[in-house]
Amino acid sequence: MNKGVTLQCNGKYEDALECFNEGLKTNSKDVDTWGNKVSVLINLERFEEAMRCVNTTLELDPKNPMNWMRKGMLLDFLGKKGR
């Protein structure tokens, strides 16, 4: 995951996404990796895919406010604000 975060910080979103996907193969319940994947997908403007991933984060950890914030951002990007 750390490699993915470093790549993401350097704007190498596709490479970061690859790292996060590999990490999720090892531990599919890692909320932090899912959250980082959501952030990368938002940067890549792959909002529908990001929404599926953020829903996974909410299933794994529904009390984490960061997951809800990401979902709100995605709803805004998708034009579903206030629904």
Protein backbone atom coordinates (compact mmCIF):
# COMPACT_ATOMS: atom_id res chain seq x y z
CA MET A 1 0.00 0.00 0.00
CA ASN A 2 2.84 2.43 0.78
CA LYS A 3 4.18 2.14 -2.75
CA GLY A 4 0.71 2.92 -4.08
CA VAL A 5 0.42 6.00 -1.87
CA THR A 6 3.83 7.24 -3.04
CA LEU A 7 2.86 6.73 -6.68
CA GLN A 8 -0.45 8.47 -6.08
CA CYS A 9 1.29 11.47 -4.49
CA ASN A 10 3.47 11.70 -7.59
CA GLY A 11 0.47 11.69 -9.93
CA LYS A 12 1.09 8.16 -11.20
CA TYR A 13 -2.50 7.10 -10.70
CA GLU A 14 -2.60 4.03 -12.96
CA ASP A 15 0.50 2.61 -11.29
CA ALA A 16 -0.92 3.38 -7.85
CA LEU A 17 -4.17 1.66 -8.79
CA GLU A 18 -2.20 -1.43 -9.75
CA CYS A 19 -0.52 -1.46 -6.33
CA PHE A 20 -3.81 -1.09 -4.48
CA ASN A 21 -5.38 -3.88 -6.54
CA GLU A 22 -2.45 -6.15 -5.70
CA GLY A 23 -2.79 -5.28 -2.02
CA LEU A 24 -6.48 -6.12 -2.08
CA LYS A 25 -5.69 -9.55 -3.51
CA THR A 26 -3.73 -10.19 -0.31
CA ASN A 27 -6.24 -8.59 2.07
CA SER A 28 -9.62 -7.79 0.56
CA LYS A 29 -10.87 -6.35 3.86
CA ASP A 30 -8.25 -3.61 4.24
CA VAL A 31 -10.36 -0.46 4.46
CA ASP A 32 -7.34 1.84 4.02
CA THR A 33 -6.37 0.19 0.74
CA TRP A 34 -9.96 0.41 -0.49
CA GLY A 35 -10.06 4.08 0.51
CA ASN A 36 -6.83 4.82 -1.34
CA LYS A 37 -8.21 3.03 -4.38
CA VAL A 38 -11.29 5.25 -4.22
CA SER A 39 -9.09 8.36 -4.14
CA VAL A 40 -7.12 7.21 -7.17
CA LEU A 41 -10.28 6.39 -9.09
CA ILE A 42 -11.62 9.87 -8.31
CA ASN A 43 -8.41 11.39 -9.68
CA LEU A 44 -8.85 9.25 -12.81
CA GLU A 45 -12.49 10.45 -13.02
CA ARG A 46 -13.73 6.87 -12.87
CA PHE A 47 -16.58 7.86 -10.60
CA GLU A 48 -18.90 4.87 -11.07
CA GLU A 49 -16.12 2.44 -10.25
CA ALA A 50 -15.09 4.59 -7.30
CA MET A 51 -18.68 4.48 -6.02
CA ARG A 52 -18.66 0.67 -6.03
CA CYS A 53 -15.40 0.73 -4.07
CA VAL A 54 -16.59 3.33 -1.57
CA ASN A 55 -19.66 1.20 -0.93
CA THR A 56 -17.27 -1.63 -0.06
CA THR A 57 -15.49 0.63 2.43
CA LEU A 58 -18.83 1.43 4.03
CA GLU A 59 -19.71 -2.26 4.31
CA LEU A 60 -16.36 -2.91 6.00
CA ASP A 61 -16.35 0.15 8.27
CA PRO A 62 -19.66 2.06 8.33
CA LYS A 63 -18.58 4.31 11.22
CA ASN A 64 -15.52 5.77 9.48
CA PRO A 65 -16.34 9.40 8.58
CA MET A 66 -13.74 9.45 5.76
CA ASN A 67 -15.71 6.76 3.93
CA TRP A 68 -18.88 8.85 4.15
CA MET A 69 -17.01 11.96 3.01
CA ARG A 70 -15.74 10.12 -0.07
CA LYS A 71 -19.25 8.89 -0.83
CA GLY A 72 -20.57 12.45 -0.57
CA MET A 73 -17.89 13.69 -2.95
CA LEU A 74 -18.76 10.96 -5.42
CA LEU A 75 -22.46 11.73 -5.26
CA ASP A 76 -21.59 15.35 -5.99
CA PHE A 77 -19.38 14.35 -8.95
CA LEU A 78 -22.18 12.15 -10.26
CA GLY A 79 -24.72 14.97 -9.93
CA LYS A 80 -26.73 13.23 -7.22
CA LYS A 81 -26.26 15.84 -4.52
CA GLY A 82 -29.10 15.95 -2.04
CA ARG A 83 -30.62 12.61 -3.02
